[in-house]
Amino acid sequence: MKKKRKTYSPKEKVYLLKKHLVNGVAVSQICEENQCNRPYFTAGNINFLSKVRQVQKRLPPRKSLLSPLRKKNCQARRKIRQEKRKSWAS
């Protein structure tokens, strides 16, 4: 009789990958604890990262998101400088 393959939910997969990528736990240790084989884990890792890259491509560029904030920041800096100059002049 064959062993029944364990399936992981997406949340479980993200948890395992996060455990490896963020916390630096060895892949062999994670596989041993969760009774999965190493190729399954690394294939899931590659698949997950490719999906993340696809989502990043769909997002607008970072510059377009930050440019209005930078503009407001520059305006606020200019205003502060002008006020300082006025206080020095008097």
Protein backbone atom coordinates (compact mmCIF):
# COMPACT_ATOMS: atom_id res chain seq x y z
CA MET A 1 0.00 0.00 0.00
CA LYS A 2 1.34 3.40 -1.01
CA LYS A 3 1.83 6.23 1.43
CA LYS A 4 -0.69 9.01 1.07
CA ARG A 5 1.00 12.24 0.00
CA LYS A 6 0.52 15.15 2.37
CA THR A 7 -0.80 18.33 0.81
CA TYR A 8 -0.05 21.74 2.27
CA SER A 9 -2.37 24.71 2.21
CA PRO A 10 -1.03 27.97 0.74
CA LYS A 11 -0.74 29.42 4.26
CA GLU A 12 1.36 26.46 5.36
CA LYS A 13 3.62 26.80 2.32
CA VAL A 14 4.16 30.50 2.98
CA TYR A 15 4.88 29.75 6.64
CA LEU A 16 7.52 27.16 5.71
CA LEU A 17 9.14 29.42 3.12
CA LYS A 18 9.13 32.35 5.52
CA LYS A 19 10.71 30.15 8.15
CA HIS A 20 13.55 29.40 5.73
CA LEU A 21 13.99 32.79 4.04
CA VAL A 22 13.44 35.13 6.99
CA ASN A 23 14.50 33.10 10.01
CA GLY A 24 17.29 31.25 8.21
CA VAL A 25 16.24 27.75 9.28
CA ALA A 26 17.94 25.04 7.20
CA VAL A 27 15.84 23.40 4.50
CA SER A 28 16.80 19.94 5.72
CA GLN A 29 15.53 20.77 9.21
CA ILE A 30 12.22 22.11 7.87
CA CYS A 31 11.73 19.04 5.68
CA GLU A 32 12.50 16.74 8.58
CA GLU A 33 10.06 18.47 10.91
CA ASN A 34 7.23 18.52 8.36
CA GLN A 35 7.98 15.16 6.74
CA CYS A 36 8.37 16.51 3.23
CA ASN A 37 11.17 15.82 0.79
CA ARG A 38 13.72 18.43 -0.19
CA PRO A 39 12.83 18.60 -3.93
CA TYR A 40 9.20 19.32 -3.00
CA PHE A 41 10.29 22.19 -0.79
CA THR A 42 12.69 23.74 -3.30
CA ALA A 43 10.17 23.39 -6.16
CA GLY A 44 7.60 25.16 -4.00
CA ASN A 45 10.12 27.86 -3.21
CA ILE A 46 10.88 28.47 -6.89
CA ASN A 47 7.18 28.44 -7.79
CA PHE A 48 6.37 30.91 -5.00
CA LEU A 49 9.14 33.31 -6.00
CA SER A 50 8.08 33.26 -9.66
CA LYS A 51 4.51 34.17 -8.62
CA VAL A 52 5.85 37.04 -6.50
CA ARG A 53 7.79 38.36 -9.49
CA GLN A 54 4.66 38.19 -11.66
CA VAL A 55 2.74 40.26 -9.11
CA GLN A 56 5.59 42.78 -8.90
CA LYS A 57 5.48 43.24 -12.69
CA ARG A 58 1.78 44.15 -12.50
CA LEU A 59 2.34 46.86 -9.89
CA PRO A 60 3.06 50.40 -11.04
CA PRO A 61 6.70 51.48 -10.85
CA ARG A 62 7.89 52.69 -7.49
CA LYS A 63 8.86 56.09 -8.81
CA SER A 64 5.31 56.88 -9.87
CA LEU A 65 4.04 55.99 -6.39
CA LEU A 66 6.64 58.09 -4.58
CA SER A 67 6.82 61.16 -6.80
CA PRO A 68 3.81 63.00 -5.26
CA LEU A 69 5.24 62.40 -1.78
CA ARG A 70 8.67 63.65 -2.83
CA LYS A 71 7.11 66.77 -4.32
CA LYS A 72 5.26 67.55 -1.07
CA ASN A 73 8.44 66.89 0.90
CA CYS A 74 10.44 69.31 -1.26
CA GLN A 75 7.77 71.98 -0.89
CA ALA A 76 7.79 71.58 2.89
CA ARG A 77 11.61 71.83 2.98
CA ARG A 78 11.56 75.03 0.91
CA LYS A 79 8.99 76.56 3.22
CA ILE A 80 11.10 75.72 6.29
CA ARG A 81 14.24 77.19 4.66
CA GLN A 82 12.41 80.40 3.76
CA GLU A 83 11.14 80.76 7.34
CA LYS A 84 14.69 80.25 8.69
CA ARG A 85 16.06 82.88 6.31
CA LYS A 86 13.41 85.35 7.42
CA SER A 87 14.24 84.76 11.08
CA TRP A 88 17.99 85.25 10.41
CA ALA A 89 17.38 88.46 8.46
CA SER A 90 15.44 90.06 11.29
